[in-house]
Protein backbone atom coordinates (compact mmCIF):
# COMPACT_ATOMS: atom_id res chain seq x y z
CA UNK A 1 -94.48 -109.94 -119.13
CA UNK A 2 -96.24 -113.17 -118.79
CA UNK A 3 -94.69 -115.94 -116.70
CA UNK A 4 -93.51 -118.89 -118.60
CA UNK A 5 -95.45 -122.02 -117.92
CA UNK A 6 -92.20 -124.24 -117.80
CA UNK A 7 -90.40 -126.40 -115.57
CA UNK A 8 -87.90 -124.57 -113.29
CA UNK A 9 -84.18 -124.35 -114.12
CA UNK A 10 -81.79 -127.00 -113.49
CA UNK A 11 -79.92 -124.31 -111.70
CA UNK A 12 -82.88 -124.26 -109.32
CA UNK A 13 -82.46 -128.09 -108.96
CA UNK A 14 -85.54 -129.12 -110.74
CA UNK A 15 -86.08 -130.61 -114.13
CA UNK A 16 -85.51 -128.15 -116.69
CA UNK A 17 -84.56 -125.04 -118.48
CA UNK A 18 -84.01 -121.55 -117.32
CA UNK A 19 -86.59 -119.53 -119.26
CA UNK A 20 -87.44 -116.11 -119.81
CA UNK A 21 -90.05 -113.74 -118.58
CA UNK A 22 -89.45 -110.26 -119.86
CA UNK A 23 -86.30 -109.90 -121.96
CA UNK A 24 -85.49 -110.58 -125.41
CA UNK A 25 -82.31 -111.60 -126.99
CA UNK A 26 -80.09 -111.07 -129.95
CA UNK A 27 -78.86 -113.74 -132.35
CA UNK A 28 -79.41 -114.84 -135.85
CA UNK A 29 -82.82 -114.73 -137.37
CA UNK A 30 -84.70 -118.03 -137.75
CA UNK A 31 -84.84 -119.64 -141.23
CA UNK A 32 -87.17 -121.72 -143.12
CA UNK A 33 -86.31 -124.03 -145.93
CA UNK A 34 -87.03 -122.12 -149.22
CA UNK A 35 -88.86 -119.55 -147.05
CA UNK A 36 -89.27 -115.99 -148.28
CA UNK A 37 -89.31 -114.14 -145.01
CA UNK A 38 -90.87 -110.64 -144.95
CA UNK A 39 -94.13 -109.96 -143.39
CA UNK A 40 -96.56 -112.75 -142.21
CA UNK A 41 -99.46 -113.99 -144.06
CA UNK A 42 -102.87 -112.49 -143.21
CA UNK A 43 -104.05 -115.67 -141.42
CA UNK A 44 -102.37 -118.22 -139.18
CA UNK A 45 -102.04 -121.88 -139.98
CA UNK A 46 -105.18 -124.09 -139.55
CA UNK A 47 -107.08 -124.35 -136.33
CA UNK A 48 -106.52 -127.71 -134.74
CA UNK A 49 -109.24 -129.48 -136.88
CA UNK A 50 -108.74 -127.64 -139.96
CA UNK A 51 -106.72 -130.22 -142.13
CA UNK A 52 -108.57 -133.25 -140.94
CA UNK A 53 -110.44 -135.40 -143.42
CA UNK A 54 -114.41 -135.71 -143.30
CA UNK A 55 -114.21 -138.74 -140.98
CA UNK A 56 -111.98 -136.94 -138.43
CA UNK A 57 -108.73 -138.65 -139.31
CA UNK A 58 -105.57 -136.55 -139.95
CA UNK A 59 -104.86 -135.79 -143.61
CA UNK A 60 -102.04 -138.01 -145.02
CA UNK A 61 -98.70 -136.39 -145.51
CA UNK A 62 -96.43 -137.23 -148.44
CA UNK A 63 -94.26 -140.24 -148.39
CA UNK A 64 -91.23 -137.96 -148.89
CA UNK A 65 -91.94 -136.70 -145.33
CA UNK A 66 -93.24 -139.74 -143.54
CA UNK A 67 -90.49 -141.98 -145.05
CA UNK A 68 -87.53 -139.60 -144.67
CA UNK A 69 -84.36 -141.12 -143.22
CA UNK A 70 -82.76 -139.10 -140.56
CA UNK A 71 -79.04 -138.47 -140.65
CA UNK A 72 -78.04 -138.95 -137.06
CA UNK A 73 -74.76 -137.44 -136.12
CA UNK A 74 -72.65 -136.50 -133.11
CA UNK A 75 -74.17 -133.46 -131.64
CA UNK A 76 -72.51 -130.06 -131.80
CA UNK A 77 -73.11 -127.34 -129.23
CA UNK A 78 -76.46 -125.68 -129.43
CA UNK A 79 -76.20 -122.36 -131.07
CA UNK A 80 -79.07 -120.46 -129.15
CA UNK A 81 -78.41 -121.90 -125.67
CA UNK A 82 -76.95 -119.99 -122.79
CA UNK A 83 -74.67 -120.91 -119.96
CA UNK A 84 -74.12 -124.56 -119.19
CA UNK A 85 -76.45 -125.60 -122.12
CA UNK A 86 -74.21 -124.00 -124.65
CA UNK A 87 -72.07 -127.08 -124.80
CA UNK A 88 -71.93 -130.14 -126.96
CA UNK A 89 -73.52 -133.08 -124.94
CA UNK A 90 -70.98 -135.63 -126.04
CA UNK A 91 -71.22 -139.14 -125.02
CA UNK A 92 -74.11 -141.16 -126.65
CA UNK A 93 -76.15 -138.17 -127.90
CA UNK A 94 -76.91 -137.97 -131.53
CA UNK A 95 -78.65 -135.24 -133.46
CA UNK A 96 -80.58 -134.95 -136.55
CA UNK A 97 -82.98 -132.56 -138.38
CA UNK A 98 -86.54 -133.72 -139.50
CA UNK A 99 -88.28 -132.00 -142.39
CA UNK A 100 -91.87 -131.03 -141.65
CA UNK A 101 -94.45 -128.94 -143.69
CA UNK A 102 -94.13 -125.32 -142.78
CA UNK A 103 -97.88 -125.04 -143.58
CA UNK A 104 -99.91 -128.24 -143.05
CA UNK A 105 -102.42 -126.89 -145.35
CA UNK A 106 -99.78 -127.22 -148.12
CA UNK A 107 -98.04 -130.55 -147.10
CA UNK A 108 -96.13 -130.75 -150.40
CA UNK A 109 -94.90 -127.19 -150.10
CA UNK A 110 -92.10 -125.37 -148.06
CA UNK A 111 -90.58 -127.33 -145.25
CA UNK A 112 -89.20 -126.44 -141.90
CA UNK A 113 -86.40 -128.19 -140.08
CA UNK A 114 -87.22 -129.68 -136.71
CA UNK A 115 -84.14 -130.24 -134.57
CA UNK A 116 -83.97 -133.59 -132.76
CA UNK A 117 -81.65 -135.10 -130.15
CA UNK A 118 -81.61 -138.82 -128.94
CA UNK A 119 -79.86 -141.28 -126.77
CA UNK A 120 -80.63 -144.81 -127.48
CA UNK A 121 -82.04 -147.18 -124.78
CA UNK A 122 -79.29 -148.50 -122.54
CA UNK A 123 -80.67 -151.32 -120.52
CA UNK A 124 -80.73 -155.04 -121.01
CA UNK A 125 -84.55 -155.29 -121.07
CA UNK A 126 -86.67 -155.22 -124.24
CA UNK A 127 -86.73 -151.78 -125.89
CA UNK A 128 -90.15 -150.25 -125.88
CA UNK A 129 -89.44 -147.49 -128.41
CA UNK A 130 -89.00 -143.72 -128.24
CA UNK A 131 -89.84 -141.52 -125.34
CA UNK A 132 -90.39 -137.96 -126.59
CA UNK A 133 -90.11 -135.04 -124.20
CA UNK A 134 -91.15 -131.50 -123.98
CA UNK A 135 -90.12 -129.56 -120.91
CA UNK A 136 -92.33 -126.54 -121.22
CA UNK A 137 -92.18 -122.90 -122.29
CA UNK A 138 -93.51 -122.46 -124.70
CA UNK A 139 -89.99 -121.82 -126.14
CA UNK A 140 -87.98 -124.26 -124.07
CA UNK A 141 -85.26 -126.14 -126.23
CA UNK A 142 -85.41 -129.93 -125.76
CA UNK A 143 -82.33 -130.42 -127.69
CA UNK A 144 -80.32 -128.31 -125.10
CA UNK A 145 -82.15 -129.36 -122.06
CA UNK A 146 -82.55 -133.22 -122.27
CA UNK A 147 -78.88 -134.13 -122.03
CA UNK A 148 -78.54 -132.04 -118.82
CA UNK A 149 -81.87 -133.62 -117.29
CA UNK A 150 -81.31 -137.33 -118.52
CA UNK A 151 -80.01 -138.59 -115.18
CA UNK A 152 -83.53 -137.94 -113.89
CA UNK A 153 -84.71 -140.49 -116.34
CA UNK A 154 -82.20 -143.35 -116.01
CA UNK A 155 -84.97 -145.92 -115.12
CA UNK A 156 -86.79 -144.89 -118.28
CA UNK A 157 -83.62 -144.85 -120.46
CA UNK A 158 -83.20 -148.58 -119.80
CA UNK A 159 -86.03 -149.34 -122.23
CA UNK A 160 -86.67 -146.25 -124.09
CA UNK A 161 -84.72 -144.10 -126.56
CA UNK A 162 -84.78 -140.65 -124.92
CA UNK A 163 -85.77 -138.11 -127.59
CA UNK A 164 -85.89 -134.27 -127.26
CA UNK A 165 -86.85 -131.80 -129.85
CA UNK A 166 -87.04 -128.03 -130.43
CA UNK A 167 -90.62 -127.18 -131.48
CA UNK A 168 -91.03 -125.02 -134.63
CA UNK A 169 -89.91 -121.38 -133.98
CA UNK A 170 -87.65 -122.55 -131.03
CA UNK A 171 -83.85 -122.57 -130.85
CA UNK A 172 -82.46 -124.87 -133.55
CA UNK A 173 -85.85 -125.14 -135.20
CA UNK A 174 -85.96 -121.69 -137.01
CA UNK A 175 -86.01 -119.72 -133.69
CA UNK A 176 -88.22 -116.75 -133.67
CA UNK A 177 -86.13 -113.60 -133.11
CA UNK A 178 -87.75 -110.25 -132.54
CA UNK A 179 -85.07 -107.87 -131.10
CA UNK A 180 -81.42 -107.64 -129.90
CA UNK A 181 -79.74 -106.98 -126.64
CA UNK A 182 -79.81 -103.16 -126.61
CA UNK A 183 -83.63 -103.28 -127.04
CA UNK A 184 -84.02 -105.83 -124.36
CA UNK A 185 -82.07 -103.65 -121.85
CA UNK A 186 -84.21 -100.78 -122.54
CA UNK A 187 -87.41 -102.92 -122.36
CA UNK A 188 -86.35 -104.27 -118.84
CA UNK A 189 -85.78 -100.70 -117.65
CA UNK A 190 -89.52 -99.89 -118.19
CA UNK A 191 -92.10 -99.90 -115.51
CA UNK A 192 -94.29 -103.03 -116.05
CA UNK A 193 -96.91 -101.75 -113.73
CA UNK A 194 -97.52 -98.30 -115.13
CA UNK A 195 -98.77 -95.60 -112.77
CA UNK A 196 -98.80 -92.56 -115.03
CA UNK A 197 -99.87 -91.90 -118.77
CA UNK A 198 -96.26 -91.59 -119.75
CA UNK A 199 -95.30 -94.90 -118.21
CA UNK A 200 -98.30 -96.54 -119.83
CA UNK A 201 -97.45 -95.07 -123.36
CA UNK A 202 -93.86 -96.23 -123.05
CA UNK A 203 -94.98 -99.80 -121.78
CA UNK A 204 -97.31 -100.13 -124.63
CA UNK A 205 -95.08 -98.64 -127.41
CA UNK A 206 -92.46 -101.17 -126.41
CA UNK A 207 -94.92 -104.05 -126.50
CA UNK A 208 -96.10 -102.96 -130.07
CA UNK A 209 -92.42 -102.69 -131.08
CA UNK A 210 -91.76 -106.20 -130.00
CA UNK A 211 -94.41 -107.59 -132.22
CA UNK A 212 -93.32 -105.44 -135.18
CA UNK A 213 -89.70 -106.77 -134.63
CA UNK A 214 -91.05 -110.35 -134.82
CA UNK A 215 -92.83 -109.62 -138.09
CA UNK A 216 -89.80 -107.90 -139.54
CA UNK A 217 -87.21 -110.59 -138.54
CA UNK A 218 -89.30 -113.74 -138.31
CA UNK A 219 -92.34 -112.92 -140.59
CA UNK A 220 -92.13 -116.20 -142.54
CA UNK A 221 -92.32 -118.39 -139.45
CA UNK A 222 -94.67 -116.63 -136.93
CA UNK A 223 -97.85 -117.61 -138.64
CA UNK A 224 -96.98 -121.36 -138.28
CA UNK A 225 -95.68 -121.72 -134.76
CA UNK A 226 -98.88 -122.57 -132.91
CA UNK A 227 -99.36 -125.53 -130.58
CA UNK A 228 -101.46 -127.47 -132.96
CA UNK A 229 -98.64 -127.54 -135.62
CA UNK A 230 -96.07 -128.52 -132.98
CA UNK A 231 -98.50 -131.46 -132.21
CA UNK A 232 -98.59 -132.44 -135.87
CA UNK A 233 -94.74 -132.33 -135.97
CA UNK A 234 -94.83 -134.75 -132.92
CA UNK A 235 -96.84 -137.23 -134.95
CA UNK A 236 -94.47 -136.95 -137.88
CA UNK A 237 -91.59 -137.55 -135.42
CA UNK A 238 -93.44 -140.73 -134.25
CA UNK A 239 -93.80 -142.01 -137.84
CA UNK A 240 -90.29 -141.23 -138.93
CA UNK A 241 -88.82 -142.77 -135.73
CA UNK A 242 -90.88 -145.99 -136.56
CA UNK A 243 -93.09 -146.10 -133.52
CA UNK A 244 -96.56 -147.28 -133.86
CA UNK A 245 -97.75 -145.17 -130.91
CA UNK A 246 -96.41 -141.91 -129.28
CA UNK A 247 -94.88 -142.35 -125.81
CA UNK A 248 -94.50 -138.97 -124.34
CA UNK A 249 -93.59 -137.02 -121.07
CA UNK A 250 -94.51 -133.43 -121.00
CA UNK A 251 -94.06 -130.86 -118.36
CA UNK A 252 -95.83 -127.50 -117.92
CA UNK A 253 -96.70 -126.11 -121.31
CA UNK A 254 -95.62 -129.61 -122.71
CA UNK A 255 -98.88 -130.69 -120.97
CA UNK A 256 -101.02 -128.50 -123.24
CA UNK A 257 -99.00 -129.70 -126.14
CA UNK A 258 -99.67 -133.26 -125.16
CA UNK A 259 -103.30 -132.51 -124.71
CA UNK A 260 -103.68 -131.05 -128.03
CA UNK A 261 -101.68 -134.08 -129.63
CA UNK A 262 -104.20 -136.55 -127.93
CA UNK A 263 -107.12 -134.53 -129.45
CA UNK A 264 -105.72 -134.55 -132.91
CA UNK A 265 -104.32 -138.12 -132.77
CA UNK A 266 -106.40 -140.06 -130.19
CA UNK A 267 -105.67 -143.46 -131.90
CA UNK A 268 -101.84 -142.83 -131.97
CA UNK A 269 -101.56 -142.18 -128.15
CA UNK A 270 -99.35 -144.75 -126.44
CA UNK A 271 -98.18 -143.98 -122.90
CA UNK A 272 -98.60 -140.14 -122.28
CA UNK A 273 -97.73 -138.45 -118.95
CA UNK A 274 -98.64 -134.75 -118.40
CA UNK A 275 -96.94 -133.17 -115.32
CA UNK A 276 -97.48 -129.69 -113.95
CA UNK A 277 -100.69 -129.15 -115.97
CA UNK A 278 -101.86 -126.13 -117.89
CA UNK A 279 -105.57 -125.49 -117.54
CA UNK A 280 -107.17 -126.11 -120.86
CA UNK A 281 -110.41 -124.40 -119.93
CA UNK A 282 -108.60 -121.08 -119.13
CA UNK A 283 -108.72 -118.42 -121.84
CA UNK A 284 -106.09 -115.67 -122.36
CA UNK A 285 -107.17 -113.68 -119.21
CA UNK A 286 -107.92 -116.77 -117.38
CA UNK A 287 -104.40 -118.20 -117.74
CA UNK A 288 -103.00 -115.00 -116.21
CA UNK A 289 -105.54 -115.08 -113.38
CA UNK A 290 -104.53 -118.66 -112.63
CA UNK A 291 -100.93 -117.70 -112.54
CA UNK A 292 -101.64 -114.71 -110.19
CA UNK A 293 -103.36 -117.10 -107.84
CA UNK A 294 -100.63 -119.91 -108.13
CA UNK A 295 -97.68 -117.54 -107.48
CA UNK A 296 -99.43 -115.83 -104.60
CA UNK A 297 -100.19 -119.26 -103.05
CA UNK A 298 -96.51 -120.27 -103.41
CA UNK A 299 -95.31 -117.00 -101.89
CA UNK A 300 -97.78 -117.49 -98.90
CA UNK A 301 -96.37 -121.08 -98.45
CA UNK A 302 -92.73 -119.81 -98.57
CA UNK A 303 -93.44 -117.27 -95.80
CA UNK A 304 -95.30 -119.80 -93.71
CA UNK A 305 -92.29 -122.06 -93.97
CA UNK A 306 -90.26 -119.28 -92.37
CA UNK A 307 -92.76 -118.78 -89.65
CA UNK A 308 -94.09 -115.52 -91.03
CA UNK A 309 -97.73 -115.09 -91.60
CA UNK A 310 -98.98 -114.94 -95.23
CA UNK A 311 -100.34 -111.51 -94.64
CA UNK A 312 -97.29 -110.01 -92.99
CA UNK A 313 -94.97 -111.59 -95.76
CA UNK A 314 -97.05 -110.27 -98.63
CA UNK A 315 -97.14 -106.74 -97.00
CA UNK A 316 -93.40 -106.73 -96.64
CA UNK A 317 -92.98 -107.55 -100.47
CA UNK A 318 -95.53 -104.91 -101.51
CA UNK A 319 -93.58 -102.52 -99.45
CA UNK A 320 -90.25 -103.43 -100.98
CA UNK A 321 -91.69 -103.17 -104.62
CA UNK A 322 -93.22 -99.87 -103.83
CA UNK A 323 -89.80 -98.48 -102.61
CA UNK A 324 -88.02 -99.97 -105.60
CA UNK A 325 -90.64 -98.35 -107.89
CA UNK A 326 -89.52 -94.95 -106.34
CA UNK A 327 -85.81 -95.63 -106.17
CA UNK A 328 -84.04 -98.78 -107.49
CA UNK A 329 -81.35 -100.46 -105.33
CA UNK A 330 -77.73 -100.70 -106.31
CA UNK A 331 -76.05 -103.93 -107.19
CA UNK A 332 -72.60 -105.34 -107.33
CA UNK A 333 -72.27 -105.08 -111.18
CA UNK A 334 -73.57 -101.45 -111.36
CA UNK A 335 -77.06 -102.31 -112.88
CA UNK A 336 -79.83 -101.05 -110.64
CA UNK A 337 -82.49 -103.39 -109.18
CA UNK A 338 -85.75 -102.11 -110.43
CA UNK A 339 -89.24 -103.01 -109.33
CA UNK A 340 -89.81 -105.22 -112.32
CA UNK A 341 -86.46 -106.95 -112.07
CA UNK A 342 -87.14 -107.59 -108.24
CA UNK A 343 -90.49 -109.08 -108.96
CA UNK A 344 -88.76 -111.41 -111.49
CA UNK A 345 -86.06 -112.28 -109.00
CA UNK A 346 -88.86 -113.29 -106.51
CA UNK A 347 -90.65 -115.45 -109.08
CA UNK A 348 -87.71 -117.49 -110.02
CA UNK A 349 -87.11 -119.34 -106.85
CA UNK A 350 -90.70 -119.95 -106.33
CA UNK A 351 -90.61 -122.70 -108.96
CA UNK A 352 -88.74 -124.90 -106.58
CA UNK A 353 -88.83 -125.31 -102.79
CA UNK A 354 -85.12 -126.15 -102.99
CA UNK A 355 -84.53 -122.55 -103.94
CA UNK A 356 -86.45 -120.86 -101.12
CA UNK A 357 -83.29 -120.50 -99.01
CA UNK A 358 -81.72 -118.44 -101.86
CA UNK A 359 -84.84 -116.20 -101.91
CA UNK A 360 -84.55 -115.74 -98.11
CA UNK A 361 -80.89 -114.60 -98.57
CA UNK A 362 -81.78 -112.31 -101.47
CA UNK A 363 -84.72 -110.54 -99.70
CA UNK A 364 -82.69 -110.02 -96.64
CA UNK A 365 -79.85 -108.41 -98.65
CA UNK A 366 -82.46 -106.27 -100.56
CA UNK A 367 -83.92 -105.17 -97.13
CA UNK A 368 -80.39 -104.08 -96.15
CA UNK A 369 -79.90 -102.03 -99.47
CA UNK A 370 -78.15 -104.59 -101.66
CA UNK A 371 -80.10 -105.71 -104.81
CA UNK A 372 -77.54 -108.04 -106.20
CA UNK A 373 -79.14 -111.43 -105.16
CA UNK A 374 -82.47 -110.64 -106.68
CA UNK A 375 -80.89 -109.25 -109.74
CA UNK A 376 -78.88 -112.39 -110.30
CA UNK A 377 -82.06 -114.49 -109.90
CA UNK A 378 -83.84 -112.25 -112.40
CA UNK A 379 -80.93 -112.80 -114.91
CA UNK A 380 -81.33 -116.47 -114.78
CA UNK A 381 -85.17 -116.12 -115.38
CA UNK A 382 -84.41 -113.58 -118.19
CA UNK A 383 -81.93 -115.91 -119.90
CA UNK A 384 -79.21 -113.41 -119.49
CA UNK A 385 -75.51 -114.75 -119.69
CA UNK A 386 -72.57 -113.23 -117.78
CA UNK A 387 -71.48 -111.24 -120.90
CA UNK A 388 -74.85 -109.47 -120.97
CA UNK A 389 -76.40 -111.36 -123.88
CA UNK A 390 -79.91 -112.46 -123.77
CA UNK A 391 -81.43 -115.64 -125.14
CA UNK A 392 -84.51 -115.91 -127.47
CA UNK A 393 -86.76 -118.18 -125.51
CA UNK A 394 -89.04 -115.27 -124.61
CA UNK A 395 -89.27 -114.37 -128.39
CA UNK A 396 -90.59 -117.95 -129.15
CA UNK A 397 -92.88 -118.16 -126.06
CA UNK A 398 -94.57 -114.94 -127.02
CA UNK A 399 -94.93 -115.87 -130.68
CA UNK A 400 -96.40 -119.37 -129.87
CA UNK A 401 -98.79 -118.10 -127.25
CA UNK A 402 -100.04 -115.23 -129.29
CA UNK A 403 -100.41 -117.53 -132.30
CA UNK A 404 -102.46 -119.87 -130.04
CA UNK A 405 -104.74 -117.47 -127.97
CA UNK A 406 -107.46 -115.14 -129.56
CA UNK A 407 -107.77 -113.06 -126.47
CA UNK A 408 -106.60 -109.40 -126.80
CA UNK A 409 -107.01 -106.98 -123.92
CA UNK A 410 -106.78 -103.14 -124.14
CA UNK A 411 -105.21 -100.92 -121.43
CA UNK A 412 -108.85 -99.50 -120.84
CA UNK A 413 -110.03 -103.01 -120.27
CA UNK A 414 -107.25 -103.76 -117.91
CA UNK A 415 -108.30 -100.71 -115.80
CA UNK A 416 -111.95 -101.45 -115.94
CA UNK A 417 -112.10 -105.34 -115.74
CA UNK A 418 -108.91 -106.86 -114.46
CA UNK A 419 -106.52 -104.67 -112.46
CA UNK A 420 -108.65 -104.61 -109.19
CA UNK A 421 -109.52 -108.34 -109.47
CA UNK A 422 -105.96 -109.40 -109.99
CA UNK A 423 -104.63 -107.14 -107.29
CA UNK A 424 -107.03 -108.51 -104.80
CA UNK A 425 -105.93 -112.04 -105.59
CA UNK A 426 -102.32 -110.95 -105.23
CA UNK A 427 -101.19 -107.49 -104.40
CA UNK A 428 -97.56 -108.74 -105.48
CA UNK A 429 -98.01 -110.42 -108.69
CA UNK A 430 -101.64 -109.05 -109.68
CA UNK A 431 -100.71 -105.60 -111.00
CA UNK A 432 -97.78 -107.09 -113.07
CA UNK A 433 -99.91 -109.86 -114.73
CA UNK A 434 -103.00 -107.68 -115.26
CA UNK A 435 -101.02 -105.05 -117.21
CA UNK A 436 -99.34 -107.91 -119.04
CA UNK A 437 -102.77 -108.79 -120.58
CA UNK A 438 -102.50 -105.51 -122.48
CA UNK A 439 -98.89 -105.71 -123.51
CA UNK A 440 -98.24 -109.44 -124.25
CA UNK A 441 -100.04 -109.71 -127.69
CA UNK A 442 -100.43 -105.88 -128.35
CA UNK A 443 -101.06 -105.44 -132.14
CA UNK A 444 -99.68 -108.93 -132.68
CA UNK A 445 -99.11 -109.41 -136.44
CA UNK A 446 -100.97 -112.87 -136.44
CA UNK A 447 -104.38 -113.59 -135.09
CA UNK A 448 -104.79 -116.22 -132.41
CA UNK A 449 -106.31 -119.68 -133.28
CA UNK A 450 -108.78 -120.15 -130.46
CA UNK A 451 -110.11 -119.03 -127.14
CA UNK A 452 -108.90 -122.24 -125.40
CA UNK A 453 -107.07 -125.42 -126.57
CA UNK A 454 -109.16 -128.40 -127.41
CA UNK A 455 -107.92 -131.59 -125.68
CA UNK A 456 -110.87 -134.01 -125.70
CA UNK A 457 -109.43 -137.36 -126.74
CA UNK A 458 -112.19 -139.87 -126.93
CA UNK A 459 -110.86 -143.18 -127.87
CA UNK A 460 -107.40 -142.57 -126.63
CA UNK A 461 -105.50 -144.80 -124.24
CA UNK A 462 -105.33 -143.66 -120.51
CA UNK A 463 -103.21 -140.51 -120.04
CA UNK A 464 -101.56 -139.73 -116.61
CA UNK A 465 -102.30 -136.16 -115.45
CA UNK A 466 -100.11 -135.02 -112.52
CA UNK A 467 -100.93 -131.96 -110.57
CA UNK A 468 -99.06 -130.48 -107.55
CA UNK A 469 -100.98 -128.61 -104.78
CA UNK A 470 -98.41 -125.90 -104.37
CA UNK A 471 -97.44 -125.45 -108.02
CA UNK A 472 -96.90 -121.70 -108.65
CA UNK A 473 -96.91 -121.57 -112.39
CA UNK A 474 -99.65 -124.14 -113.27
CA UNK A 475 -102.03 -124.28 -110.26
CA UNK A 476 -103.23 -127.64 -109.21
CA UNK A 477 -106.78 -126.98 -110.41
CA UNK A 478 -105.66 -127.06 -113.86
CA UNK A 479 -104.75 -130.90 -113.49
CA UNK A 480 -108.32 -131.58 -112.73
CA UNK A 481 -109.61 -129.55 -115.60
CA UNK A 482 -107.30 -131.44 -117.98
CA UNK A 483 -108.27 -134.87 -116.72
CA UNK A 484 -112.02 -133.99 -117.00
CA UNK A 485 -111.54 -132.54 -120.53
CA UNK A 486 -109.46 -135.46 -122.00
CA UNK A 487 -112.62 -137.43 -121.21
CA UNK A 488 -113.94 -140.35 -119.13
CA UNK A 489 -111.51 -143.36 -119.19
CA UNK A 490 -108.76 -141.20 -120.60
CA UNK A 491 -107.54 -138.64 -118.06
CA UNK A 492 -106.17 -140.42 -114.96
CA UNK A 493 -105.47 -137.80 -112.16
CA UNK A 494 -102.66 -138.06 -109.80
CA UNK A 495 -102.49 -135.48 -107.03
CA UNK A 496 -99.13 -134.67 -105.50
CA UNK A 497 -99.35 -132.75 -102.22
CA UNK A 498 -96.23 -130.70 -102.15
CA UNK A 499 -94.60 -127.52 -103.50
CA UNK A 500 -92.87 -126.78 -106.78
CA UNK A 501 -93.38 -126.91 -110.47
CA UNK A 502 -93.33 -130.53 -111.63
CA UNK A 503 -93.62 -133.75 -109.52
CA UNK A 504 -91.68 -136.36 -111.34
CA UNK A 505 -88.25 -137.00 -109.82
CA UNK A 506 -88.98 -134.83 -106.75
CA UNK A 507 -90.71 -137.70 -104.70
CA UNK A 508 -90.70 -141.42 -104.71
CA UNK A 509 -94.50 -141.88 -104.83
CA UNK A 510 -95.10 -140.11 -108.19
CA UNK A 511 -91.89 -141.29 -109.74
CA UNK A 512 -92.62 -144.88 -109.11
CA UNK A 513 -96.21 -144.53 -110.46
CA UNK A 514 -94.94 -142.79 -113.73
CA UNK A 515 -92.19 -145.47 -114.04
CA UNK A 516 -94.56 -148.33 -113.64
CA UNK A 517 -96.96 -146.77 -116.22
CA UNK A 518 -94.28 -145.87 -118.77
CA UNK A 519 -92.26 -149.22 -118.38
CA UNK A 520 -94.91 -151.71 -117.66
CA UNK A 521 -98.17 -150.17 -118.74
CA UNK A 522 -99.62 -150.14 -115.22
CA UNK A 523 -102.38 -147.52 -115.15
CA UNK A 524 -102.98 -146.31 -111.66
CA UNK A 525 -106.25 -145.71 -109.98
CA UNK A 526 -107.77 -142.42 -111.05
CA UNK A 527 -107.56 -140.02 -108.09
CA UNK A 528 -104.49 -141.49 -106.50
CA UNK A 529 -102.74 -139.09 -103.90
CA UNK A 530 -99.07 -138.78 -103.25
CA UNK A 531 -97.08 -136.59 -100.83
CA UNK A 532 -93.77 -135.34 -101.95
């Protein structure tokens, strides 16, 4: 399945949350206040500009929403989190629920609860306001992730309240739920690069069944979980927190969310930072093409760091995957390492250069006949806990991305238009991501909103756009595209020469630039370059 555009896991020593790539999890169904559930409506929520007034401003929300008082309380353990995230954060952290319109076309109608978490500014300096975070996904829980990542932001915490949220359809904000653990296990056993008609039928049947499960179990929410609505929720959060402008730090998918916010609310932009940037010019197929190129580039850089040529290293992985397609490897816990799980296990450590040593150990073990290491890394990526339960981030990710994107690709189109091209870009990741074009949104019950997200933000304050040259999930070229599309005088490009997904906190240069901007309002020169 599609690779999440998210910051890599804290377990991999970078900023964020362990996401999911293929698997789906059990858990309670998401709920909406006064929602009726059942099948989704025939059309999704409005396209990004649909509920604007004639002069381009955002339609006013009722005072009952904009003037609501949040009931901040000591946080309990997140109910949807896995592993170390499934603990109450304690300390200074407070949680609350904000009520937002389920459908922004009916702002006085049903509402949905948006889960928030905050820690008030701790330093002696003058408080600037709230700093809102999104760590990526889509589908990542800010409520679960922010406390564990907060040490990275100590300098910012001195003058900002750190605020995280679960976007609509995610975790504590009416999580989309599509299937349970047993179905997930069966799905993970399927061949995600089908070679025969029977394998293709099983793959597509499972993909369609996933969407049907979403409609059955989360039909009341999935028409309303698109990125534009999450951006509208962010502006409501800003108002309810009492901030004149939105200050925001978005990573990975959070950069797309930040760009859409800037387009919808350019006059409300305060200090926005977009790090590990999604290419706003890429359509449904283009996004997968970009990721194919980005992960191949990261894999080649990994092999070159070991003194192995890119060609020889790539050929060794292709050979390993072909052998696994014929015969999976045994592992310590009895589950076999399949081709798909091995590929996922290779992807996971590519998010952070700090994890490359683990990849080396796992590959060497696999070459010796032991698939345990790659399977464990695949489990982290697939949000599987040590009891065999799977999280629901993938459910949310898929629902949000399919609500956003209009593109739908048939198996015939994969064969005729994409498979050869993607495989040429990367013989390792290309086939996997080409077939994913057919499976990801197959027969999705809600139509997508647009071909590409609109991020033009004329009149907005300068926005920092940070791209890392070796980023596997959001290739560097996307940062240039984002800076351009935000508009002249708005997008300020910072190039980080290095590896990994996300630059803030991984090197002194980028971190100092971002801190000076967020704390003192210092806008760096457009085109500045750092080396991490």
